[in-house]
PDB file of N, CA and C in Angstrom:
ATOM      1  N   MET A   1       0.849  -1.123  -0.031  1.00  0.00           N
ATOM      2  CA  MET A   1       0.001  -0.005   0.153  1.00  0.00           C
ATOM      3  C   MET A   1       1.006   1.313  -0.023  1.00  0.00           C
ATOM      4  N   THR A   2       0.660   2.080  -0.837  1.00  0.00           N
ATOM      5  CA  THR A   2       1.242   3.465  -0.759  1.00  0.00           C
ATOM      6  C   THR A   2       0.721   4.445  -0.069  1.00  0.00           C
ATOM      7  N   THR A   3       1.506   5.205   0.842  1.00  0.00           N
ATOM      8  CA  THR A   3       1.368   6.336   1.704  1.00  0.00           C
ATOM      9  C   THR A   3       1.500   7.555   1.078  1.00  0.00           C
ATOM     10  N   ILE A   4       0.698   8.695   0.995  1.00  0.00           N
ATOM     11  CA  ILE A   4       0.889   9.740   0.421  1.00  0.00           C
ATOM     12  C   ILE A   4       1.367  10.687   1.537  1.00  0.00           C
ATOM     13  N   PRO A   5       2.439  11.308   1.685  1.00  0.00           N
ATOM     14  CA  PRO A   5       2.878  12.282   2.616  1.00  0.00           C
ATOM     15  C   PRO A   5       1.482  13.380   2.811  1.00  0.00           C
ATOM     16  N   ARG A   6       1.310  13.642   4.100  1.00  0.00           N
ATOM     17  CA  ARG A   6       0.126  14.570   4.561  1.00  0.00           C
ATOM     18  C   ARG A   6      -0.025  15.736   3.785  1.00  0.00           C
ATOM     19  N   PRO A   7       1.075  16.685   3.480  1.00  0.00           N
ATOM     20  CA  PRO A   7       1.039  18.016   2.790  1.00  0.00           C
ATOM     21  C   PRO A   7       0.438  17.480   1.255  1.00  0.00           C
ATOM     22  N   ALA A   8       0.955  16.440   0.755  1.00  0.00           N
ATOM     23  CA  ALA A   8       0.419  16.205  -0.661  1.00  0.00           C
ATOM     24  C   ALA A   8      -0.939  15.922  -0.829  1.00  0.00           C
ATOM     25  N   VAL A   9      -1.543  15.480   0.288  1.00  0.00           N
ATOM     26  CA  VAL A   9      -3.052  14.863   0.279  1.00  0.00           C
ATOM     27  C   VAL A   9      -3.675  16.070   0.212  1.00  0.00           C
ATOM     28  N   PHE A  10      -3.317  17.208   1.025  1.00  0.00           N
ATOM     29  CA  PHE A  10      -3.931  18.701   1.058  1.00  0.00           C
ATOM     30  C   PHE A  10      -3.992  19.203  -0.130  1.00  0.00           C
ATOM     31  N   VAL A  11      -2.687  19.029  -0.794  1.00  0.00           N
ATOM     32  CA  VAL A  11      -2.713  19.833  -2.221  1.00  0.00           C
ATOM     33  C   VAL A  11      -3.462  19.317  -3.192  1.00  0.00           C
ATOM     34  N   ARG A  12      -3.637  17.744  -3.100  1.00  0.00           N
ATOM     35  CA  ARG A  12      -4.595  17.238  -4.064  1.00  0.00           C
ATOM     36  C   ARG A  12      -5.918  17.529  -3.864  1.00  0.00           C
ATOM     37  N   LEU A  13      -6.262  17.517  -2.691  1.00  0.00           N
ATOM     38  CA  LEU A  13      -7.447  17.702  -2.319  1.00  0.00           C
ATOM     39  C   LEU A  13      -8.029  18.960  -2.790  1.00  0.00           C
ATOM     40  N   ALA A  14      -7.303  20.066  -2.471  1.00  0.00           N
ATOM     41  CA  ALA A  14      -7.408  21.460  -2.899  1.00  0.00           C
ATOM     42  C   ALA A  14      -7.635  21.489  -4.473  1.00  0.00           C
ATOM     43  N   LEU A  15      -6.682  20.709  -4.958  1.00  0.00           N
ATOM     44  CA  LEU A  15      -6.974  20.946  -6.540  1.00  0.00           C
ATOM     45  C   LEU A  15      -8.209  20.171  -7.056  1.00  0.00           C
ATOM     46  N   LEU A  16      -8.553  19.123  -6.226  1.00  0.00           N
ATOM     47  CA  LEU A  16      -9.912  18.345  -6.535  1.00  0.00           C
ATOM     48  C   LEU A  16     -10.880  19.189  -6.350  1.00  0.00           C
ATOM     49  N   ALA A  17     -10.899  19.859  -5.283  1.00  0.00           N
ATOM     50  CA  ALA A  17     -12.061  20.760  -4.988  1.00  0.00           C
ATOM     51  C   ALA A  17     -12.210  21.646  -5.831  1.00  0.00           C
ATOM     52  N   SER A  18     -11.180  22.555  -6.270  1.00  0.00           N
ATOM     53  CA  SER A  18     -11.241  23.647  -6.980  1.00  0.00           C
ATOM     54  C   SER A  18     -11.824  23.232  -8.524  1.00  0.00           C
ATOM     55  N   ALA A  19     -11.373  21.851  -9.052  1.00  0.00           N
ATOM     56  CA  ALA A  19     -11.876  21.325 -10.347  1.00  0.00           C
ATOM     57  C   ALA A  19     -13.358  20.965 -10.241  1.00  0.00           C
ATOM     58  N   LEU A  20     -13.798  20.625  -9.070  1.00  0.00           N
ATOM     59  CA  LEU A  20     -15.468  20.217  -8.984  1.00  0.00           C
ATOM     60  C   LEU A  20     -16.260  21.448  -8.866  1.00  0.00           C
ATOM     61  N   CYS A  21     -15.604  22.542  -8.443  1.00  0.00           N
ATOM     62  CA  CYS A  21     -16.149  23.726  -8.216  1.00  0.00           C
ATOM     63  C   CYS A  21     -16.328  24.669  -9.509  1.00  0.00           C
ATOM     64  N   GLY A  22     -15.685  24.076 -10.709  1.00  0.00           N
ATOM     65  CA  GLY A  22     -15.780  24.758 -11.747  1.00  0.00           C
ATOM     66  C   GLY A  22     -14.765  25.766 -11.947  1.00  0.00           C
ATOM     67  N   ALA A  23     -13.584  25.661 -11.228  1.00  0.00           N
ATOM     68  CA  ALA A  23     -12.272  26.442 -11.133  1.00  0.00           C
ATOM     69  C   ALA A  23     -11.720  26.088 -12.595  1.00  0.00           C
ATOM     70  N   GLN A  24     -10.955  27.214 -13.360  1.00  0.00           N
ATOM     71  CA  GLN A  24     -10.042  26.749 -14.437  1.00  0.00           C
ATOM     72  C   GLN A  24      -9.253  25.927 -13.913  1.00  0.00           C
ATOM     73  N   PRO A  25      -8.544  24.982 -14.863  1.00  0.00           N
ATOM     74  CA  PRO A  25      -7.449  24.165 -14.467  1.00  0.00           C
ATOM     75  C   PRO A  25      -6.116  25.066 -13.973  1.00  0.00           C
ATOM     76  N   ALA A  26      -5.791  26.035 -14.818  1.00  0.00           N
ATOM     77  CA  ALA A  26      -4.496  26.700 -14.663  1.00  0.00           C
ATOM     78  C   ALA A  26      -4.850  28.169 -14.410  1.00  0.00           C
ATOM     79  N   LEU A  27      -3.934  28.966 -13.499  1.00  0.00           N
ATOM     80  CA  LEU A  27      -4.216  30.336 -13.388  1.00  0.00           C
ATOM     81  C   LEU A  27      -3.198  30.805 -14.239  1.00  0.00           C
ATOM     82  N   SER A  28      -3.445  32.028 -14.743  1.00  0.00           N
ATOM     83  CA  SER A  28      -2.671  32.473 -15.670  1.00  0.00           C
ATOM     84  C   SER A  28      -1.279  33.255 -15.352  1.00  0.00           C
ATOM     85  N   ALA A  29      -1.157  33.624 -13.930  1.00  0.00           N
ATOM     86  CA  ALA A  29      -0.064  34.451 -13.424  1.00  0.00           C
ATOM     87  C   ALA A  29       1.139  33.496 -13.287  1.00  0.00           C
ATOM     88  N   GLU A  30       2.240  33.839 -13.408  1.00  0.00           N
ATOM     89  CA  GLU A  30       3.301  32.912 -13.089  1.00  0.00           C
ATOM     90  C   GLU A  30       4.195  33.602 -12.090  1.00  0.00           C
ATOM     91  N   PRO A  31       4.243  33.385 -11.084  1.00  0.00           N
ATOM     92  CA  PRO A  31       5.095  34.101  -9.859  1.00  0.00           C
ATOM     93  C   PRO A  31       6.754  33.953 -10.102  1.00  0.00           C
ATOM     94  N   ALA A  32       7.544  34.694  -9.959  1.00  0.00           N
ATOM     95  CA  ALA A  32       8.877  34.670 -10.077  1.00  0.00           C
ATOM     96  C   ALA A  32       9.396  33.797  -9.117  1.00  0.00           C
ATOM     97  N   ALA A  33       9.123  32.398  -9.019  1.00  0.00           N
ATOM     98  CA  ALA A  33       9.891  31.337  -8.245  1.00  0.00           C
ATOM     99  C   ALA A  33      10.172  30.165  -9.219  1.00  0.00           C
ATOM    100  N   SER A  34      11.023  29.452  -8.694  1.00  0.00           N
ATOM    101  CA  SER A  34      11.289  27.988  -9.147  1.00  0.00           C
ATOM    102  C   SER A  34      10.030  27.268  -9.413  1.00  0.00           C
ATOM    103  N   ALA A  35      10.018  26.288 -10.517  1.00  0.00           N
ATOM    104  CA  ALA A  35       9.032  25.533 -11.049  1.00  0.00           C
ATOM    105  C   ALA A  35       8.339  24.822  -9.705  1.00  0.00           C
ATOM    106  N   PRO A  36       9.041  23.993  -9.102  1.00  0.00           N
ATOM    107  CA  PRO A  36       8.291  23.310  -7.858  1.00  0.00           C
ATOM    108  C   PRO A  36       7.651  24.289  -6.926  1.00  0.00           C
ATOM    109  N   ALA A  37       8.160  25.362  -6.594  1.00  0.00           N
ATOM    110  CA  ALA A  37       7.916  26.616  -5.649  1.00  0.00           C
ATOM    111  C   ALA A  37       6.469  26.927  -6.148  1.00  0.00           C
ATOM    112  N   ALA A  38       6.679  27.360  -7.664  1.00  0.00           N
ATOM    113  CA  ALA A  38       5.466  27.902  -8.151  1.00  0.00           C
ATOM    114  C   ALA A  38       4.248  26.919  -8.316  1.00  0.00           C
ATOM    115  N   GLN A  39       4.595  25.714  -8.265  1.00  0.00           N
ATOM    116  CA  GLN A  39       3.419  24.463  -8.408  1.00  0.00           C
ATOM    117  C   GLN A  39       2.728  24.492  -6.976  1.00  0.00           C
ATOM    118  N   HIS A  40       3.408  24.681  -5.785  1.00  0.00           N
ATOM    119  CA  HIS A  40       2.886  24.768  -4.349  1.00  0.00           C
ATOM    120  C   HIS A  40       2.069  26.117  -4.529  1.00  0.00           C
ATOM    121  N   VAL A  41       2.504  27.093  -4.851  1.00  0.00           N
ATOM    122  CA  VAL A  41       1.861  28.401  -4.834  1.00  0.00           C
ATOM    123  C   VAL A  41       0.566  28.520  -5.604  1.00  0.00           C
ATOM    124  N   ARG A  42       0.749  27.700  -6.791  1.00  0.00           N
ATOM    125  CA  ARG A  42      -0.579  27.468  -7.722  1.00  0.00           C
ATOM    126  C   ARG A  42      -1.430  26.714  -7.014  1.00  0.00           C
ATOM    127  N   ALA A  43      -1.173  25.682  -6.126  1.00  0.00           N
ATOM    128  CA  ALA A  43      -1.958  24.823  -5.778  1.00  0.00           C
ATOM    129  C   ALA A  43      -2.874  25.637  -4.507  1.00  0.00           C
ATOM    130  N   HIS A  44      -1.933  26.134  -3.660  1.00  0.00           N
ATOM    131  CA  HIS A  44      -2.729  27.240  -2.692  1.00  0.00           C
ATOM    132  C   HIS A  44      -3.684  28.144  -3.262  1.00  0.00           C
ATOM    133  N   ALA A  45      -3.207  28.838  -4.205  1.00  0.00           N
ATOM    134  CA  ALA A  45      -4.136  29.866  -4.980  1.00  0.00           C
ATOM    135  C   ALA A  45      -5.328  29.441  -5.605  1.00  0.00           C
ATOM    136  N   SER A  46      -5.048  27.969  -6.231  1.00  0.00           N
ATOM    137  CA  SER A  46      -6.288  27.414  -6.806  1.00  0.00           C
ATOM    138  C   SER A  46      -7.324  27.201  -5.765  1.00  0.00           C
ATOM    139  N   ALA A  47      -7.062  26.770  -4.509  1.00  0.00           N
ATOM    140  CA  ALA A  47      -7.929  26.584  -3.495  1.00  0.00           C
ATOM    141  C   ALA A  47      -8.732  27.787  -2.973  1.00  0.00           C
ATOM    142  N   CYS A  48      -8.341  28.923  -3.402  1.00  0.00           N
ATOM    143  CA  CYS A  48      -9.203  30.238  -3.216  1.00  0.00           C
ATOM    144  C   CYS A  48     -10.223  30.471  -4.327  1.00  0.00           C
ATOM    145  N   THR A  49     -10.124  29.735  -5.446  1.00  0.00           N
ATOM    146  CA  THR A  49     -10.902  29.946  -6.557  1.00  0.00           C
ATOM    147  C   THR A  49     -12.155  29.308  -6.345  1.00  0.00           C
ATOM    148  N   SER A  50     -12.325  28.452  -5.614  1.00  0.00           N
ATOM    149  CA  SER A  50     -13.790  27.866  -5.294  1.00  0.00           C
ATOM    150  C   SER A  50     -14.651  28.889  -5.092  1.00  0.00           C
ATOM    151  N   CYS A  51     -14.125  30.036  -4.103  1.00  0.00           N
ATOM    152  CA  CYS A  51     -14.930  31.022  -3.580  1.00  0.00           C
ATOM    153  C   CYS A  51     -14.811  32.277  -4.240  1.00  0.00           C
ATOM    154  N   HIS A  52     -13.502  32.715  -4.551  1.00  0.00           N
ATOM    155  CA  HIS A  52     -13.171  33.796  -5.195  1.00  0.00           C
ATOM    156  C   HIS A  52     -13.256  34.084  -6.636  1.00  0.00           C
ATOM    157  N   GLY A  53     -13.789  32.811  -7.313  1.00  0.00           N
ATOM    158  CA  GLY A  53     -13.782  32.881  -8.651  1.00  0.00           C
ATOM    159  C   GLY A  53     -12.523  32.439  -9.607  1.00  0.00           C
ATOM    160  N   PRO A  54     -12.689  31.911 -10.688  1.00  0.00           N
ATOM    161  CA  PRO A  54     -11.479  31.317 -11.298  1.00  0.00           C
ATOM    162  C   PRO A  54     -10.314  32.585 -11.584  1.00  0.00           C
ATOM    163  N   SER A  55      -9.255  32.211 -11.361  1.00  0.00           N
ATOM    164  CA  SER A  55      -8.189  33.350 -11.429  1.00  0.00           C
ATOM    165  C   SER A  55      -8.193  34.365 -10.378  1.00  0.00           C
ATOM    166  N   GLY A  56      -9.111  34.307  -9.305  1.00  0.00           N
ATOM    167  CA  GLY A  56      -9.440  35.006  -8.548  1.00  0.00           C
ATOM    168  C   GLY A  56     -10.218  36.411  -8.796  1.00  0.00           C
ATOM    169  N   ARG A  57     -10.969  35.917  -9.823  1.00  0.00           N
ATOM    170  CA  ARG A  57     -11.982  36.942 -10.427  1.00  0.00           C
ATOM    171  C   ARG A  57     -13.392  36.565 -10.096  1.00  0.00           C
ATOM    172  N   ALA A  58     -14.052  37.060  -8.842  1.00  0.00           N
ATOM    173  CA  ALA A  58     -15.286  36.941  -8.519  1.00  0.00           C
ATOM    174  C   ALA A  58     -16.296  37.171  -9.538  1.00  0.00           C
ATOM    175  N   PRO A  59     -17.530  36.311  -9.604  1.00  0.00           N
ATOM    176  CA  PRO A  59     -18.442  36.563 -10.432  1.00  0.00           C
ATOM    177  C   PRO A  59     -19.222  38.024 -10.398  1.00  0.00           C
ATOM    178  N   GLU A  60     -19.255  38.778 -11.224  1.00  0.00           N
ATOM    179  CA  GLU A  60     -20.263  40.088 -11.043  1.00  0.00           C
ATOM    180  C   GLU A  60     -21.302  39.998 -10.300  1.00  0.00           C
ATOM    181  N   GLY A  61     -21.429  41.028  -9.515  1.00  0.00           N
ATOM    182  CA  GLY A  61     -22.428  40.859  -8.327  1.00  0.00           C
ATOM    183  C   GLY A  61     -22.117  40.176  -6.980  1.00  0.00           C
ATOM    184  N   SER A  62     -21.120  39.422  -7.104  1.00  0.00           N
ATOM    185  CA  SER A  62     -20.841  38.563  -5.949  1.00  0.00           C
ATOM    186  C   SER A  62     -20.463  39.500  -4.609  1.00  0.00           C
ATOM    187  N   THR A  63     -20.955  38.851  -3.474  1.00  0.00           N
ATOM    188  CA  THR A  63     -20.498  39.647  -2.222  1.00  0.00           C
ATOM    189  C   THR A  63     -19.223  39.333  -1.912  1.00  0.00           C
ATOM    190  N   ILE A  64     -18.483  38.311  -2.561  1.00  0.00           N
ATOM    191  CA  ILE A  64     -17.197  37.914  -2.235  1.00  0.00           C
ATOM    192  C   ILE A  64     -16.225  38.624  -3.075  1.00  0.00           C
ATOM    193  N   ALA A  65     -15.058  39.100  -2.578  1.00  0.00           N
ATOM    194  CA  ALA A  65     -14.097  40.085  -3.112  1.00  0.00           C
ATOM    195  C   ALA A  65     -13.396  39.241  -4.266  1.00  0.00           C
ATOM    196  N   SER A  66     -12.968  39.914  -5.322  1.00  0.00           N
ATOM    197  CA  SER A  66     -12.133  39.522  -6.353  1.00  0.00           C
ATOM    198  C   SER A  66     -10.833  39.883  -5.861  1.00  0.00           C
ATOM    199  N   LEU A  67      -9.695  38.804  -6.047  1.00  0.00           N
ATOM    200  CA  LEU A  67      -8.423  39.132  -5.538  1.00  0.00           C
ATOM    201  C   LEU A  67      -7.337  39.348  -6.820  1.00  0.00           C
ATOM    202  N   ALA A  68      -7.817  39.049  -7.809  1.00  0.00           N
ATOM    203  CA  ALA A  68      -6.666  39.343  -8.985  1.00  0.00           C
ATOM    204  C   ALA A  68      -6.593  40.783  -9.120  1.00  0.00           C
ATOM    205  N   GLY A  69      -5.116  41.190  -9.201  1.00  0.00           N
ATOM    206  CA  GLY A  69      -4.840  42.382  -9.490  1.00  0.00           C
ATOM    207  C   GLY A  69      -4.515  43.433  -8.217  1.00  0.00           C
ATOM    208  N   ARG A  70      -5.070  42.848  -7.139  1.00  0.00           N
ATOM    209  CA  ARG A  70      -4.792  43.863  -6.083  1.00  0.00           C
ATOM    210  C   ARG A  70      -3.593  43.810  -5.267  1.00  0.00           C
ATOM    211  N   GLN A  71      -3.429  44.765  -4.635  1.00  0.00           N
ATOM    212  CA  GLN A  71      -1.745  45.095  -4.069  1.00  0.00           C
ATOM    213  C   GLN A  71      -1.610  43.790  -3.190  1.00  0.00           C
ATOM    214  N   GLN A  72      -0.408  43.485  -3.334  1.00  0.00           N
ATOM    215  CA  GLN A  72       0.122  42.179  -2.547  1.00  0.00           C
ATOM    216  C   GLN A  72       0.138  42.655  -1.053  1.00  0.00           C
ATOM    217  N   ALA A  73       0.447  43.721  -0.505  1.00  0.00           N
ATOM    218  CA  ALA A  73       0.476  44.294   0.794  1.00  0.00           C
ATOM    219  C   ALA A  73      -0.825  44.280   1.315  1.00  0.00           C
ATOM    220  N   GLU A  74      -1.852  44.612   0.686  1.00  0.00           N
ATOM    221  CA  GLU A  74      -3.232  44.731   1.073  1.00  0.00           C
ATOM    222  C   GLU A  74      -3.704  43.233   1.225  1.00  0.00           C
ATOM    223  N   LEU A  75      -3.678  42.560   0.185  1.00  0.00           N
ATOM    224  CA  LEU A  75      -3.981  41.077   0.444  1.00  0.00           C
ATOM    225  C   LEU A  75      -3.328  40.447   1.459  1.00  0.00           C
ATOM    226  N   LEU A  76      -1.996  40.670   1.714  1.00  0.00           N
ATOM    227  CA  LEU A  76      -1.304  40.012   2.743  1.00  0.00           C
ATOM    228  C   LEU A  76      -2.085  40.508   3.963  1.00  0.00           C
ATOM    229  N   ALA A  77      -2.071  41.686   4.322  1.00  0.00           N
ATOM    230  CA  ALA A  77      -2.626  42.313   5.452  1.00  0.00           C
ATOM    231  C   ALA A  77      -3.960  41.702   5.795  1.00  0.00           C
ATOM    232  N   GLN A  78      -4.663  41.593   4.874  1.00  0.00           N
ATOM    233  CA  GLN A  78      -5.970  41.117   5.127  1.00  0.00           C
ATOM    234  C   GLN A  78      -6.070  39.644   5.454  1.00  0.00           C
ATOM    235  N   LEU A  79      -5.299  38.954   4.760  1.00  0.00           N
ATOM    236  CA  LEU A  79      -5.133  37.452   5.114  1.00  0.00           C
ATOM    237  C   LEU A  79      -4.608  37.189   6.635  1.00  0.00           C
ATOM    238  N   GLN A  80      -3.527  38.136   6.989  1.00  0.00           N
ATOM    239  CA  GLN A  80      -3.111  38.076   8.354  1.00  0.00           C
ATOM    240  C   GLN A  80      -4.188  38.396   9.495  1.00  0.00           C
ATOM    241  N   ALA A  81      -4.930  39.260   9.101  1.00  0.00           N
ATOM    242  CA  ALA A  81      -6.094  39.863   9.985  1.00  0.00           C
ATOM    243  C   ALA A  81      -7.045  38.629  10.131  1.00  0.00           C
ATOM    244  N   PHE A  82      -7.337  37.981   8.999  1.00  0.00           N
ATOM    245  CA  PHE A  82      -8.215  36.752   9.067  1.00  0.00           C
ATOM    246  C   PHE A  82      -7.599  35.887  10.119  1.00  0.00           C
ATOM    247  N   ARG A  83      -6.349  35.684   9.917  1.00  0.00           N
ATOM    248  CA  ARG A  83      -5.776  34.550  10.533  1.00  0.00           C
ATOM    249  C   ARG A  83      -5.622  34.858  12.102  1.00  0.00           C
ATOM    250  N   SER A  84      -5.327  36.127  12.497  1.00  0.00           N
ATOM    251  CA  SER A  84      -5.351  36.396  13.854  1.00  0.00           C
ATOM    252  C   SER A  84      -6.537  36.793  14.352  1.00  0.00           C
ATOM    253  N   GLY A  85      -7.993  36.857  13.624  1.00  0.00           N
ATOM    254  CA  GLY A  85      -9.124  37.204  14.280  1.00  0.00           C
ATOM    255  C   GLY A  85      -9.538  38.462  14.411  1.00  0.00           C
ATOM    256  N   THR A  86      -8.512  39.462  13.931  1.00  0.00           N
ATOM    257  CA  THR A  86      -8.903  40.811  14.119  1.00  0.00           C
ATOM    258  C   THR A  86      -9.913  41.357  12.874  1.00  0.00           C
ATOM    259  N   ARG A  87     -10.160  40.672  11.730  1.00  0.00           N
ATOM    260  CA  ARG A  87     -11.113  40.833  11.066  1.00  0.00           C
ATOM    261  C   ARG A  87     -12.131  39.830  10.834  1.00  0.00           C
ATOM    262  N   PRO A  88     -13.351  40.263  11.029  1.00  0.00           N
ATOM    263  CA  PRO A  88     -14.498  39.203  11.087  1.00  0.00           C
ATOM    264  C   PRO A  88     -14.816  38.491   9.797  1.00  0.00           C
ATOM    265  N   ALA A  89     -14.985  37.197  10.131  1.00  0.00           N
ATOM    266  CA  ALA A  89     -15.172  36.453   8.752  1.00  0.00           C
ATOM    267  C   ALA A  89     -16.200  35.310   9.132  1.00  0.00           C
ATOM    268  N   THR A  90     -16.716  34.514   7.978  1.00  0.00           N
ATOM    269  CA  THR A  90     -17.513  33.349   8.139  1.00  0.00           C
ATOM    270  C   THR A  90     -16.709  32.250   8.300  1.00  0.00           C
ATOM    271  N   VAL A  91     -15.706  32.164   7.245  1.00  0.00           N
ATOM    272  CA  VAL A  91     -14.927  30.994   7.293  1.00  0.00           C
ATOM    273  C   VAL A  91     -13.245  31.281   6.972  1.00  0.00           C
ATOM    274  N   MET A  92     -13.108  32.580   6.443  1.00  0.00           N
ATOM    275  CA  MET A  92     -11.713  32.863   5.936  1.00  0.00           C
ATOM    276  C   MET A  92     -10.651  32.824   7.269  1.00  0.00           C
ATOM    277  N   HIS A  93     -11.111  33.051   8.380  1.00  0.00           N
ATOM    278  CA  HIS A  93     -10.190  33.074   9.557  1.00  0.00           C
ATOM    279  C   HIS A  93      -9.847  31.470   9.783  1.00  0.00           C
ATOM    280  N   GLN A  94     -10.637  30.773   9.509  1.00  0.00           N
ATOM    281  CA  GLN A  94     -10.147  29.134   9.729  1.00  0.00           C
ATOM    282  C   GLN A  94      -9.171  28.907   8.477  1.00  0.00           C
ATOM    283  N   ILE A  95      -9.668  29.125   7.394  1.00  0.00           N
ATOM    284  CA  ILE A  95      -8.876  29.025   6.278  1.00  0.00           C
ATOM    285  C   ILE A  95      -7.399  29.484   6.406  1.00  0.00           C
ATOM    286  N   ALA A  96      -7.491  30.780   6.919  1.00  0.00           N
ATOM    287  CA  ALA A  96      -6.195  31.541   6.780  1.00  0.00           C
ATOM    288  C   ALA A  96      -5.225  30.865   7.869  1.00  0.00           C
ATOM    289  N   ARG A  97      -5.586  30.312   9.063  1.00  0.00           N
ATOM    290  CA  ARG A  97      -4.806  29.588   9.941  1.00  0.00           C
ATOM    291  C   ARG A  97      -4.155  28.396   9.480  1.00  0.00           C
ATOM    292  N   GLY A  98      -4.547  27.794   8.474  1.00  0.00           N
ATOM    293  CA  GLY A  98      -3.853  26.863   7.759  1.00  0.00           C
ATOM    294  C   GLY A  98      -2.740  27.072   6.954  1.00  0.00           C
ATOM    295  N   TYR A  99      -2.220  28.205   6.874  1.00  0.00           N
ATOM    296  CA  TYR A  99      -1.124  28.651   6.031  1.00  0.00           C
ATOM    297  C   TYR A  99       0.124  29.218   7.104  1.00  0.00           C
ATOM    298  N   THR A 100       1.117  29.239   6.571  1.00  0.00           N
ATOM    299  CA  THR A 100       2.416  29.634   7.162  1.00  0.00           C
ATOM    300  C   THR A 100       2.308  31.235   6.698  1.00  0.00           C
ATOM    301  N   ASP A 101       3.418  32.004   7.342  1.00  0.00           N
ATOM    302  CA  ASP A 101       3.468  33.351   6.924  1.00  0.00           C
ATOM    303  C   ASP A 101       3.912  33.543   5.618  1.00  0.00           C
ATOM    304  N   GLU A 102       4.711  32.642   5.289  1.00  0.00           N
ATOM    305  CA  GLU A 102       5.471  32.398   3.874  1.00  0.00           C
ATOM    306  C   GLU A 102       4.338  31.963   2.723  1.00  0.00           C
ATOM    307  N   GLN A 103       3.554  31.027   3.130  1.00  0.00           N
ATOM    308  CA  GLN A 103       2.496  30.643   2.201  1.00  0.00           C
ATOM    309  C   GLN A 103       1.583  31.843   1.878  1.00  0.00           C
ATOM    310  N   LEU A 104       1.193  32.498   2.982  1.00  0.00           N
ATOM    311  CA  LEU A 104       0.134  33.573   2.860  1.00  0.00           C
ATOM    312  C   LEU A 104       0.820  34.732   1.994  1.00  0.00           C
ATOM    313  N   ALA A 105       2.177  35.104   2.220  1.00  0.00           N
ATOM    314  CA  ALA A 105       2.910  35.910   1.231  1.00  0.00           C
ATOM    315  C   ALA A 105       2.885  35.487  -0.243  1.00  0.00           C
ATOM    316  N   ALA A 106       2.903  34.314  -0.422  1.00  0.00           N
ATOM    317  CA  ALA A 106       3.007  33.741  -1.721  1.00  0.00           C
ATOM    318  C   ALA A 106       1.636  33.924  -2.558  1.00  0.00           C
ATOM    319  N   ILE A 107       0.675  33.505  -1.612  1.00  0.00           N
ATOM    320  CA  ILE A 107      -0.735  33.499  -2.086  1.00  0.00           C
ATOM    321  C   ILE A 107      -0.894  35.099  -2.600  1.00  0.00           C
ATOM    322  N   ALA A 108      -0.672  36.151  -1.651  1.00  0.00           N
ATOM    323  CA  ALA A 108      -0.903  37.483  -1.942  1.00  0.00           C
ATOM    324  C   ALA A 108      -0.124  37.741  -3.238  1.00  0.00           C
ATOM    325  N   ALA A 109       1.117  37.421  -3.345  1.00  0.00           N
ATOM    326  CA  ALA A 109       1.934  37.734  -4.518  1.00  0.00           C
ATOM    327  C   ALA A 109       1.278  37.026  -5.792  1.00  0.00           C
ATOM    328  N   TRP A 110       0.636  36.042  -5.685  1.00  0.00           N
ATOM    329  CA  TRP A 110       0.279  35.324  -6.640  1.00  0.00           C
ATOM    330  C   TRP A 110      -0.772  36.164  -7.372  1.00  0.00           C
ATOM    331  N   PHE A 111      -1.981  36.445  -6.537  1.00  0.00           N
ATOM    332  CA  PHE A 111      -3.253  37.136  -6.986  1.00  0.00           C
ATOM    333  C   PHE A 111      -2.806  38.537  -7.305  1.00  0.00           C
ATOM    334  N   ALA A 112      -1.837  39.005  -6.787  1.00  0.00           N
ATOM    335  CA  ALA A 112      -1.473  40.451  -7.137  1.00  0.00           C
ATOM    336  C   ALA A 112      -0.834  40.425  -8.416  1.00  0.00           C
ATOM    337  N   ASN A 113      -0.228  39.379  -8.841  1.00  0.00           N
ATOM    338  CA  ASN A 113       0.099  39.222 -10.315  1.00  0.00           C
ATOM    339  C   ASN A 113      -0.577  38.923 -11.293  1.00  0.00           C
ATOM    340  N   VAL A 114      -1.848  38.569 -11.054  1.00  0.00           N
ATOM    341  CA  VAL A 114      -2.867  38.051 -12.032  1.00  0.00           C
ATOM    342  C   VAL A 114      -3.426  39.351 -12.644  1.00  0.00           C
ATOM    343  N   ARG A 115      -3.267  39.504 -13.996  1.00  0.00           N
ATOM    344  CA  ARG A 115      -3.800  40.588 -14.891  1.00  0.00           C
ATOM    345  C   ARG A 115      -5.060  40.134 -15.704  1.00  0.00           C
TER     346      ARG A 115
END
């Protein structure tokens, strides 16, 4: 029996969830990082697309914010506020707690670079 390392399971589940929710299979922005690191960032960012829309572009009229093209510092500050509990949320405070500071910074950079 093959066992999959725990982080790999979460990445695969995130990709599966976003695929089932109608997310596009690939995000268009490529952060300035090595290929393996870029794939991890892409996996983290694709998990966001199930709520925030394909490539971080929420559907018109949605109450959920679009992430694409926003300032990296703004996105990171909001993610950190969700994680610390200083910004009210329904689920984002739980989601943000699942990421390290480096992962949150990478996700913010990813969406800031989506055009």
